[in-house]
């Protein structure tokens, strides 16, 4: 049953047509590179203004804005950890990104949500370890929550996709 609620695909997260996409943001929430830059560019200048009003975000936490020019209704911004070798609570902070994003989604009646591979770009988190945290945290959340009804992991490339598929199989 949980497997029916989790999807893994490759593509452009800014094209997701569900209720919300998750932005792998920095603590200032004012745009950046990678996924963050792509989301800000696709959403338009109103997203930057909405993010300024939020006053930043700490690592592991999440905040929500409208999607503006995006096809998704909302953007949930979360700040992942920088990879420092794995001995600095990175997995706990990364799990908190997924947990807090899913909690925020449930509070805002987000029925469908898409995640990128949080912290796996310039933050350097190894994709195999990150995908395990992402899938495990999501499954744990969905076991006791009906909302969101569908979680999609949108992977940038085949290597990321393969890591998420392996992580999903490891949880089955």
N, C-alpha and C. Protein backbone atom coordinates (compact mmCIF):
# COMPACT_ATOMS: atom_id res chain seq x y z
N UNK A 1 0.82 -1.20 0.00
CA UNK A 1 0.00 0.00 0.00
C UNK A 1 0.86 1.26 0.00
N UNK A 2 1.92 1.28 0.83
CA UNK A 2 2.80 2.45 0.84
C UNK A 2 3.51 2.63 -0.49
N UNK A 3 3.87 1.51 -1.11
CA UNK A 3 4.56 1.59 -2.40
C UNK A 3 3.70 2.30 -3.45
N UNK A 4 2.38 2.21 -3.32
CA UNK A 4 1.48 2.89 -4.25
C UNK A 4 1.49 4.41 -4.04
N UNK A 5 1.92 4.85 -2.89
CA UNK A 5 1.92 6.28 -2.57
C UNK A 5 3.25 6.95 -2.86
N UNK A 6 4.29 6.18 -3.19
CA UNK A 6 5.62 6.73 -3.45
C UNK A 6 5.99 6.44 -4.90
N UNK A 7 6.41 7.50 -5.58
CA UNK A 7 6.83 7.37 -6.97
C UNK A 7 8.25 7.93 -7.10
N UNK A 8 9.00 7.34 -7.99
CA UNK A 8 10.37 7.79 -8.27
C UNK A 8 10.47 7.99 -9.77
N UNK A 9 10.95 9.15 -10.18
CA UNK A 9 11.06 9.46 -11.61
C UNK A 9 12.25 10.39 -11.84
N UNK A 10 12.59 10.58 -13.08
CA UNK A 10 13.58 11.59 -13.44
C UNK A 10 12.84 12.74 -14.10
N UNK A 11 13.43 13.92 -14.03
CA UNK A 11 12.81 15.05 -14.69
C UNK A 11 13.13 16.37 -14.04
N UNK A 12 12.30 17.34 -14.36
CA UNK A 12 12.45 18.72 -13.90
C UNK A 12 11.39 18.98 -12.82
N UNK A 13 11.82 19.18 -11.60
CA UNK A 13 10.89 19.36 -10.49
C UNK A 13 10.01 20.59 -10.69
N UNK A 14 10.48 21.59 -11.42
CA UNK A 14 9.67 22.79 -11.61
C UNK A 14 8.46 22.54 -12.51
N UNK A 15 8.41 21.41 -13.19
CA UNK A 15 7.28 21.07 -14.06
C UNK A 15 6.24 20.22 -13.34
N UNK A 16 6.47 19.88 -12.07
CA UNK A 16 5.54 19.03 -11.31
C UNK A 16 4.19 19.73 -11.17
N UNK A 17 3.12 19.01 -11.48
CA UNK A 17 1.79 19.61 -11.48
C UNK A 17 0.96 19.28 -10.24
N UNK A 18 1.57 18.75 -9.21
CA UNK A 18 0.85 18.44 -7.98
C UNK A 18 0.70 19.66 -7.09
N UNK A 19 0.38 19.40 -5.83
CA UNK A 19 0.10 20.48 -4.88
C UNK A 19 1.34 21.24 -4.43
N UNK A 20 2.48 20.56 -4.28
CA UNK A 20 3.68 21.24 -3.77
C UNK A 20 4.95 20.59 -4.28
N UNK A 21 5.96 21.41 -4.44
CA UNK A 21 7.32 20.91 -4.65
C UNK A 21 8.16 21.38 -3.47
N UNK A 22 9.20 20.62 -3.19
CA UNK A 22 10.11 20.98 -2.12
C UNK A 22 11.35 21.59 -2.74
N UNK A 23 11.77 22.69 -2.16
CA UNK A 23 12.96 23.40 -2.60
C UNK A 23 14.10 23.10 -1.65
N UNK A 24 15.21 22.62 -2.18
CA UNK A 24 16.43 22.42 -1.40
C UNK A 24 17.10 23.78 -1.29
N UNK A 25 16.71 24.52 -0.27
CA UNK A 25 17.08 25.93 -0.13
C UNK A 25 18.30 26.12 0.76
N UNK A 26 18.77 27.37 0.80
CA UNK A 26 19.79 27.74 1.77
C UNK A 26 19.10 28.46 2.94
N UNK A 27 19.83 28.75 3.98
CA UNK A 27 19.22 29.31 5.20
C UNK A 27 18.61 30.68 4.99
N UNK A 28 19.05 31.42 3.99
CA UNK A 28 18.50 32.76 3.75
C UNK A 28 17.21 32.72 2.93
N UNK A 29 16.97 31.61 2.24
CA UNK A 29 15.78 31.43 1.38
C UNK A 29 15.70 32.45 0.25
N UNK A 30 16.82 32.98 -0.16
CA UNK A 30 16.81 34.04 -1.17
C UNK A 30 17.30 33.57 -2.54
N UNK A 31 17.18 32.28 -2.80
CA UNK A 31 17.63 31.75 -4.08
C UNK A 31 19.08 31.34 -4.03
N UNK A 32 19.49 30.61 -5.02
CA UNK A 32 20.86 30.12 -5.07
C UNK A 32 21.06 29.38 -6.37
N UNK A 33 21.86 28.33 -6.32
CA UNK A 33 22.12 27.53 -7.50
C UNK A 33 21.30 26.26 -7.50
N UNK A 34 21.54 25.39 -8.45
CA UNK A 34 20.90 24.09 -8.51
C UNK A 34 19.39 24.16 -8.50
N UNK A 35 18.78 23.27 -7.71
CA UNK A 35 17.33 23.19 -7.61
C UNK A 35 16.76 24.53 -7.13
N UNK A 36 17.39 25.11 -6.14
CA UNK A 36 16.93 26.39 -5.58
C UNK A 36 16.84 27.46 -6.66
N UNK A 37 17.89 27.62 -7.43
CA UNK A 37 17.90 28.61 -8.50
C UNK A 37 16.86 28.33 -9.57
N UNK A 38 16.70 27.06 -9.92
CA UNK A 38 15.72 26.68 -10.94
C UNK A 38 14.30 26.99 -10.47
N UNK A 39 14.01 26.69 -9.21
CA UNK A 39 12.67 26.95 -8.67
C UNK A 39 12.40 28.45 -8.62
N UNK A 40 13.36 29.22 -8.13
CA UNK A 40 13.17 30.67 -8.08
C UNK A 40 12.97 31.25 -9.49
N UNK A 41 13.73 30.77 -10.45
CA UNK A 41 13.59 31.27 -11.83
C UNK A 41 12.22 30.93 -12.41
N UNK A 42 11.77 29.71 -12.17
CA UNK A 42 10.49 29.28 -12.74
C UNK A 42 9.29 29.90 -12.03
N UNK A 43 9.43 30.18 -10.73
CA UNK A 43 8.30 30.73 -9.96
C UNK A 43 8.10 32.21 -10.18
N UNK A 44 9.14 32.92 -10.60
CA UNK A 44 9.04 34.35 -10.81
C UNK A 44 9.45 35.15 -9.59
N UNK A 45 9.52 36.44 -9.75
CA UNK A 45 10.06 37.33 -8.71
C UNK A 45 9.21 37.37 -7.44
N UNK A 46 7.95 37.00 -7.53
CA UNK A 46 7.10 37.01 -6.33
C UNK A 46 7.59 36.00 -5.29
N UNK A 47 8.22 34.93 -5.74
CA UNK A 47 8.72 33.93 -4.80
C UNK A 47 9.82 34.53 -3.92
N UNK A 48 10.70 35.28 -4.52
CA UNK A 48 11.77 35.93 -3.75
C UNK A 48 11.17 36.86 -2.70
N UNK A 49 10.18 37.63 -3.06
CA UNK A 49 9.54 38.54 -2.11
C UNK A 49 8.88 37.77 -0.96
N UNK A 50 8.21 36.67 -1.30
CA UNK A 50 7.56 35.85 -0.26
C UNK A 50 8.61 35.24 0.67
N UNK A 51 9.73 34.82 0.10
CA UNK A 51 10.80 34.23 0.92
C UNK A 51 11.45 35.28 1.83
N UNK A 52 11.62 36.48 1.33
CA UNK A 52 12.17 37.56 2.17
C UNK A 52 11.33 37.74 3.43
N UNK A 53 10.02 37.65 3.29
CA UNK A 53 9.10 37.85 4.41
C UNK A 53 9.19 36.72 5.44
N UNK A 54 9.75 35.58 5.07
CA UNK A 54 9.86 34.45 6.00
C UNK A 54 11.02 34.57 6.98
N UNK A 55 11.99 35.43 6.66
CA UNK A 55 13.11 35.64 7.57
C UNK A 55 14.08 34.48 7.69
N UNK A 56 14.23 33.71 6.63
CA UNK A 56 15.20 32.62 6.64
C UNK A 56 14.62 31.34 7.22
N UNK A 57 15.47 30.33 7.29
CA UNK A 57 15.06 29.02 7.77
C UNK A 57 16.30 28.29 8.28
N UNK A 58 16.16 27.59 9.38
CA UNK A 58 17.31 26.86 9.93
C UNK A 58 17.43 25.48 9.28
N UNK A 59 18.59 24.87 9.36
CA UNK A 59 18.82 23.53 8.83
C UNK A 59 17.82 22.55 9.44
N UNK A 60 17.26 21.70 8.60
CA UNK A 60 16.34 20.68 9.06
C UNK A 60 14.90 21.14 9.18
N UNK A 61 14.67 22.43 9.06
CA UNK A 61 13.31 22.99 9.18
C UNK A 61 12.75 23.25 7.79
N UNK A 62 11.46 23.59 7.74
CA UNK A 62 10.78 23.85 6.47
C UNK A 62 9.81 25.01 6.62
N UNK A 63 9.63 25.76 5.54
CA UNK A 63 8.66 26.85 5.47
C UNK A 63 7.96 26.78 4.12
N UNK A 64 6.77 27.36 4.05
CA UNK A 64 5.94 27.22 2.85
C UNK A 64 5.60 28.59 2.25
N UNK A 65 5.54 28.63 0.94
CA UNK A 65 5.10 29.81 0.20
C UNK A 65 4.16 29.35 -0.91
N UNK A 66 3.46 30.30 -1.54
CA UNK A 66 2.73 29.94 -2.76
C UNK A 66 3.72 29.55 -3.87
N UNK A 67 3.21 28.89 -4.89
CA UNK A 67 4.05 28.48 -6.02
C UNK A 67 4.19 29.55 -7.09
N UNK A 68 3.35 30.57 -7.04
CA UNK A 68 3.35 31.67 -8.00
C UNK A 68 3.29 31.15 -9.44
N UNK A 69 4.31 31.34 -10.25
CA UNK A 69 4.24 30.95 -11.67
C UNK A 69 4.50 29.47 -11.92
N UNK A 70 4.74 28.70 -10.87
CA UNK A 70 4.95 27.26 -11.01
C UNK A 70 3.60 26.55 -11.18
N UNK A 71 3.59 25.37 -11.79
CA UNK A 71 2.33 24.63 -11.87
C UNK A 71 1.87 24.07 -10.52
N UNK A 72 2.76 23.97 -9.56
CA UNK A 72 2.39 23.50 -8.22
C UNK A 72 1.86 24.68 -7.39
N UNK A 73 0.94 24.37 -6.52
CA UNK A 73 0.27 25.38 -5.69
C UNK A 73 1.20 26.00 -4.65
N UNK A 74 2.11 25.18 -4.12
CA UNK A 74 3.00 25.62 -3.04
C UNK A 74 4.45 25.23 -3.33
N UNK A 75 5.34 25.95 -2.65
CA UNK A 75 6.75 25.55 -2.55
C UNK A 75 7.04 25.40 -1.07
N UNK A 76 7.56 24.25 -0.70
CA UNK A 76 8.01 24.03 0.67
C UNK A 76 9.53 24.09 0.63
N UNK A 77 10.06 25.05 1.35
CA UNK A 77 11.50 25.29 1.37
C UNK A 77 12.10 24.58 2.58
N UNK A 78 13.14 23.81 2.36
CA UNK A 78 13.82 23.15 3.47
C UNK A 78 15.33 23.27 3.29
N UNK A 79 16.03 23.31 4.41
CA UNK A 79 17.48 23.52 4.37
C UNK A 79 18.18 22.26 4.85
N UNK A 80 18.84 21.61 3.91
CA UNK A 80 19.55 20.38 4.23
C UNK A 80 20.94 20.66 4.77
N UNK A 81 21.56 19.61 5.28
CA UNK A 81 22.91 19.74 5.84
C UNK A 81 24.00 19.67 4.78
N UNK A 82 25.10 20.31 5.06
CA UNK A 82 26.32 20.10 4.28
C UNK A 82 26.91 18.77 4.74
N UNK A 83 27.42 17.99 3.81
CA UNK A 83 28.07 16.72 4.15
C UNK A 83 29.46 17.02 4.72
N UNK A 84 29.70 16.54 5.92
CA UNK A 84 31.00 16.73 6.57
C UNK A 84 31.60 15.39 6.96
N UNK A 85 31.32 14.36 6.17
CA UNK A 85 31.88 13.05 6.44
C UNK A 85 30.95 12.09 7.16
N UNK A 86 29.81 12.57 7.63
CA UNK A 86 28.83 11.71 8.26
C UNK A 86 28.88 11.65 9.77
N UNK A 87 29.81 12.35 10.37
CA UNK A 87 29.96 12.32 11.83
C UNK A 87 29.45 13.57 12.52
N UNK A 88 28.66 14.38 11.81
CA UNK A 88 28.17 15.63 12.37
C UNK A 88 26.64 15.70 12.33
N UNK A 89 25.99 14.58 12.59
CA UNK A 89 24.53 14.51 12.65
C UNK A 89 23.84 14.82 11.32
N UNK A 90 24.55 14.66 10.22
CA UNK A 90 23.97 14.98 8.92
C UNK A 90 22.69 14.17 8.64
N UNK A 91 22.70 12.88 8.99
CA UNK A 91 21.53 12.06 8.68
C UNK A 91 20.31 12.51 9.50
N UNK A 92 20.53 12.94 10.72
CA UNK A 92 19.43 13.43 11.56
C UNK A 92 18.84 14.71 10.98
N UNK A 93 19.71 15.61 10.55
CA UNK A 93 19.25 16.88 9.96
C UNK A 93 18.54 16.62 8.63
N UNK A 94 19.08 15.72 7.82
CA UNK A 94 18.45 15.41 6.54
C UNK A 94 17.07 14.77 6.77
N UNK A 95 16.97 13.86 7.70
CA UNK A 95 15.68 13.24 8.02
C UNK A 95 14.68 14.31 8.48
N UNK A 96 15.16 15.28 9.23
CA UNK A 96 14.30 16.36 9.70
C UNK A 96 13.78 17.20 8.52
N UNK A 97 14.57 17.35 7.48
CA UNK A 97 14.11 18.07 6.28
C UNK A 97 12.88 17.38 5.69
N UNK A 98 12.96 16.08 5.54
CA UNK A 98 11.84 15.34 4.97
C UNK A 98 10.66 15.33 5.94
N UNK A 99 10.92 15.07 7.20
CA UNK A 99 9.86 15.02 8.21
C UNK A 99 9.13 16.36 8.31
N UNK A 100 9.88 17.45 8.44
CA UNK A 100 9.25 18.77 8.59
C UNK A 100 8.51 19.18 7.33
N UNK A 101 9.03 18.81 6.17
CA UNK A 101 8.34 19.11 4.90
C UNK A 101 7.02 18.35 4.81
N UNK A 102 7.04 17.08 5.19
CA UNK A 102 5.82 16.27 5.14
C UNK A 102 4.80 16.75 6.17
N UNK A 103 5.26 17.13 7.35
CA UNK A 103 4.35 17.68 8.37
C UNK A 103 3.69 18.97 7.88
N UNK A 104 4.49 19.84 7.28
CA UNK A 104 3.96 21.10 6.75
C UNK A 104 2.97 20.81 5.61
N UNK A 105 3.29 19.85 4.78
CA UNK A 105 2.39 19.46 3.69
C UNK A 105 1.04 18.99 4.26
N UNK A 106 1.09 18.16 5.28
CA UNK A 106 -0.15 17.65 5.88
C UNK A 106 -0.98 18.78 6.48
N UNK A 107 -0.32 19.73 7.14
CA UNK A 107 -1.04 20.86 7.74
C UNK A 107 -1.71 21.75 6.70
N UNK A 108 -1.16 21.77 5.49
CA UNK A 108 -1.70 22.62 4.41
C UNK A 108 -2.49 21.81 3.38
N UNK A 109 -2.88 20.60 3.75
CA UNK A 109 -3.69 19.74 2.90
C UNK A 109 -3.07 19.52 1.52
N UNK A 110 -1.76 19.34 1.51
CA UNK A 110 -1.03 19.03 0.29
C UNK A 110 -1.18 17.54 0.03
N UNK A 111 -1.91 17.20 -1.00
CA UNK A 111 -2.19 15.79 -1.31
C UNK A 111 -1.09 15.14 -2.13
N UNK A 112 -0.37 15.95 -2.92
CA UNK A 112 0.73 15.42 -3.73
C UNK A 112 1.93 16.36 -3.62
N UNK A 113 3.08 15.77 -3.40
CA UNK A 113 4.29 16.55 -3.16
C UNK A 113 5.46 15.90 -3.89
N UNK A 114 6.39 16.72 -4.36
CA UNK A 114 7.58 16.22 -5.04
C UNK A 114 8.82 16.74 -4.34
N UNK A 115 9.76 15.84 -4.13
CA UNK A 115 11.04 16.17 -3.50
C UNK A 115 12.18 16.03 -4.49
N UNK A 116 13.18 16.92 -4.40
CA UNK A 116 14.45 16.69 -5.09
C UNK A 116 15.34 15.85 -4.17
N UNK A 117 16.54 15.58 -4.58
CA UNK A 117 17.52 14.90 -3.73
C UNK A 117 18.18 15.96 -2.84
N UNK A 118 17.58 16.22 -1.70
CA UNK A 118 18.03 17.29 -0.80
C UNK A 118 19.47 17.05 -0.35
N UNK A 119 20.27 18.09 -0.44
CA UNK A 119 21.68 18.13 -0.01
C UNK A 119 22.65 17.36 -0.90
N UNK A 120 22.17 16.80 -2.01
CA UNK A 120 23.04 15.97 -2.85
C UNK A 120 23.77 16.75 -3.95
N UNK A 121 23.50 18.02 -4.08
CA UNK A 121 24.21 18.83 -5.07
C UNK A 121 25.47 19.42 -4.45
N UNK A 122 25.53 20.74 -4.40
CA UNK A 122 26.72 21.42 -3.88
C UNK A 122 26.94 21.16 -2.39
N UNK A 123 25.92 20.67 -1.67
CA UNK A 123 26.10 20.36 -0.25
C UNK A 123 26.84 19.04 -0.05
N UNK A 124 27.00 18.25 -1.13
CA UNK A 124 27.90 17.11 -1.13
C UNK A 124 27.44 15.83 -0.45
N UNK A 125 26.19 15.72 -0.09
CA UNK A 125 25.72 14.51 0.59
C UNK A 125 25.75 13.34 -0.41
N UNK A 126 26.37 12.22 -0.05
CA UNK A 126 26.40 11.07 -0.98
C UNK A 126 25.00 10.56 -1.30
N UNK A 127 24.71 10.36 -2.56
CA UNK A 127 23.36 10.05 -3.00
C UNK A 127 22.84 8.74 -2.42
N UNK A 128 23.67 7.73 -2.29
CA UNK A 128 23.19 6.46 -1.74
C UNK A 128 22.72 6.63 -0.30
N UNK A 129 23.50 7.32 0.51
CA UNK A 129 23.12 7.54 1.91
C UNK A 129 21.90 8.46 2.00
N UNK A 130 21.87 9.51 1.19
CA UNK A 130 20.76 10.47 1.23
C UNK A 130 19.44 9.83 0.81
N UNK A 131 19.48 9.00 -0.22
CA UNK A 131 18.25 8.36 -0.69
C UNK A 131 17.70 7.39 0.36
N UNK A 132 18.56 6.72 1.09
CA UNK A 132 18.12 5.83 2.18
C UNK A 132 17.37 6.64 3.25
N UNK A 133 17.93 7.78 3.63
CA UNK A 133 17.30 8.64 4.63
C UNK A 133 15.95 9.14 4.10
N UNK A 134 15.93 9.59 2.85
CA UNK A 134 14.71 10.14 2.25
C UNK A 134 13.59 9.10 2.22
N UNK A 135 13.89 7.93 1.73
CA UNK A 135 12.87 6.89 1.60
C UNK A 135 12.41 6.40 2.97
N UNK A 136 13.35 6.13 3.87
CA UNK A 136 13.00 5.64 5.21
C UNK A 136 12.12 6.65 5.96
N UNK A 137 12.50 7.92 5.93
CA UNK A 137 11.74 8.96 6.64
C UNK A 137 10.35 9.11 6.04
N UNK A 138 10.26 9.08 4.72
CA UNK A 138 8.98 9.21 4.05
C UNK A 138 8.06 8.03 4.36
N UNK A 139 8.58 6.83 4.29
CA UNK A 139 7.77 5.65 4.61
C UNK A 139 7.28 5.72 6.05
N UNK A 140 8.16 6.07 6.97
CA UNK A 140 7.76 6.17 8.38
C UNK A 140 6.64 7.18 8.56
N UNK A 141 6.72 8.32 7.86
CA UNK A 141 5.69 9.34 7.97
C UNK A 141 4.36 8.84 7.37
N UNK A 142 4.42 8.24 6.20
CA UNK A 142 3.21 7.81 5.52
C UNK A 142 2.49 6.68 6.25
N UNK A 143 3.23 5.91 7.03
CA UNK A 143 2.60 4.82 7.80
C UNK A 143 1.52 5.34 8.75
N UNK A 144 1.69 6.54 9.24
CA UNK A 144 0.72 7.06 10.22
C UNK A 144 0.01 8.33 9.75
N UNK A 145 0.13 8.66 8.47
CA UNK A 145 -0.52 9.86 7.93
C UNK A 145 -1.12 9.57 6.57
N UNK A 146 -2.34 10.04 6.35
CA UNK A 146 -2.99 9.87 5.06
C UNK A 146 -2.64 10.97 4.07
N UNK A 147 -2.16 12.10 4.60
CA UNK A 147 -1.80 13.24 3.76
C UNK A 147 -0.31 13.51 3.97
N UNK A 148 0.46 13.64 2.91
CA UNK A 148 0.06 13.59 1.51
C UNK A 148 -0.26 12.16 1.06
N UNK A 149 -1.11 12.09 0.06
CA UNK A 149 -1.49 10.80 -0.49
C UNK A 149 -0.47 10.26 -1.47
N UNK A 150 0.31 11.18 -2.05
CA UNK A 150 1.32 10.77 -3.04
C UNK A 150 2.59 11.59 -2.85
N UNK A 151 3.72 10.89 -2.78
CA UNK A 151 5.04 11.52 -2.68
C UNK A 151 5.86 11.08 -3.89
N UNK A 152 6.37 12.05 -4.62
CA UNK A 152 7.20 11.76 -5.79
C UNK A 152 8.61 12.27 -5.53
N UNK A 153 9.58 11.41 -5.79
CA UNK A 153 10.98 11.83 -5.76
C UNK A 153 11.38 12.06 -7.21
N UNK A 154 11.67 13.32 -7.53
CA UNK A 154 12.05 13.67 -8.90
C UNK A 154 13.57 13.79 -8.95
N UNK A 155 14.16 12.86 -9.66
CA UNK A 155 15.62 12.75 -9.71
C UNK A 155 16.16 13.49 -10.94
N UNK A 156 17.28 14.14 -10.75
CA UNK A 156 17.89 14.94 -11.80
C UNK A 156 18.50 14.09 -12.90
N UNK A 157 19.00 12.90 -12.54
CA UNK A 157 19.69 12.06 -13.52
C UNK A 157 19.48 10.58 -13.18
N UNK A 158 19.99 9.71 -14.05
CA UNK A 158 19.81 8.27 -13.87
C UNK A 158 20.53 7.73 -12.64
N UNK A 159 21.68 8.29 -12.31
CA UNK A 159 22.42 7.84 -11.13
C UNK A 159 21.60 8.08 -9.86
N UNK A 160 20.99 9.24 -9.77
CA UNK A 160 20.15 9.57 -8.63
C UNK A 160 18.91 8.67 -8.62
N UNK A 161 18.29 8.51 -9.77
CA UNK A 161 17.12 7.63 -9.89
C UNK A 161 17.46 6.22 -9.40
N UNK A 162 18.56 5.68 -9.87
CA UNK A 162 18.96 4.32 -9.48
C UNK A 162 19.16 4.21 -7.97
N UNK A 163 19.73 5.23 -7.35
CA UNK A 163 19.94 5.22 -5.91
C UNK A 163 18.61 5.21 -5.16
N UNK A 164 17.64 5.99 -5.62
CA UNK A 164 16.32 6.01 -4.99
C UNK A 164 15.58 4.69 -5.16
N UNK A 165 15.70 4.09 -6.33
CA UNK A 165 15.06 2.78 -6.57
C UNK A 165 15.68 1.73 -5.63
N UNK A 166 17.00 1.73 -5.50
CA UNK A 166 17.67 0.80 -4.57
C UNK A 166 17.19 1.04 -3.14
N UNK A 167 17.11 2.30 -2.74
CA UNK A 167 16.67 2.62 -1.38
C UNK A 167 15.25 2.14 -1.14
N UNK A 168 14.41 2.28 -2.14
CA UNK A 168 13.02 1.82 -2.01
C UNK A 168 12.97 0.31 -1.87
N UNK A 169 13.77 -0.39 -2.65
CA UNK A 169 13.82 -1.86 -2.55
C UNK A 169 14.34 -2.30 -1.19
N UNK A 170 15.30 -1.55 -0.64
CA UNK A 170 15.86 -1.87 0.68
C UNK A 170 14.83 -1.72 1.80
N UNK A 171 13.84 -0.88 1.59
CA UNK A 171 12.81 -0.66 2.60
C UNK A 171 11.63 -1.62 2.47
N UNK A 172 11.56 -2.31 1.35
CA UNK A 172 10.42 -3.22 1.12
C UNK A 172 10.55 -4.52 1.89
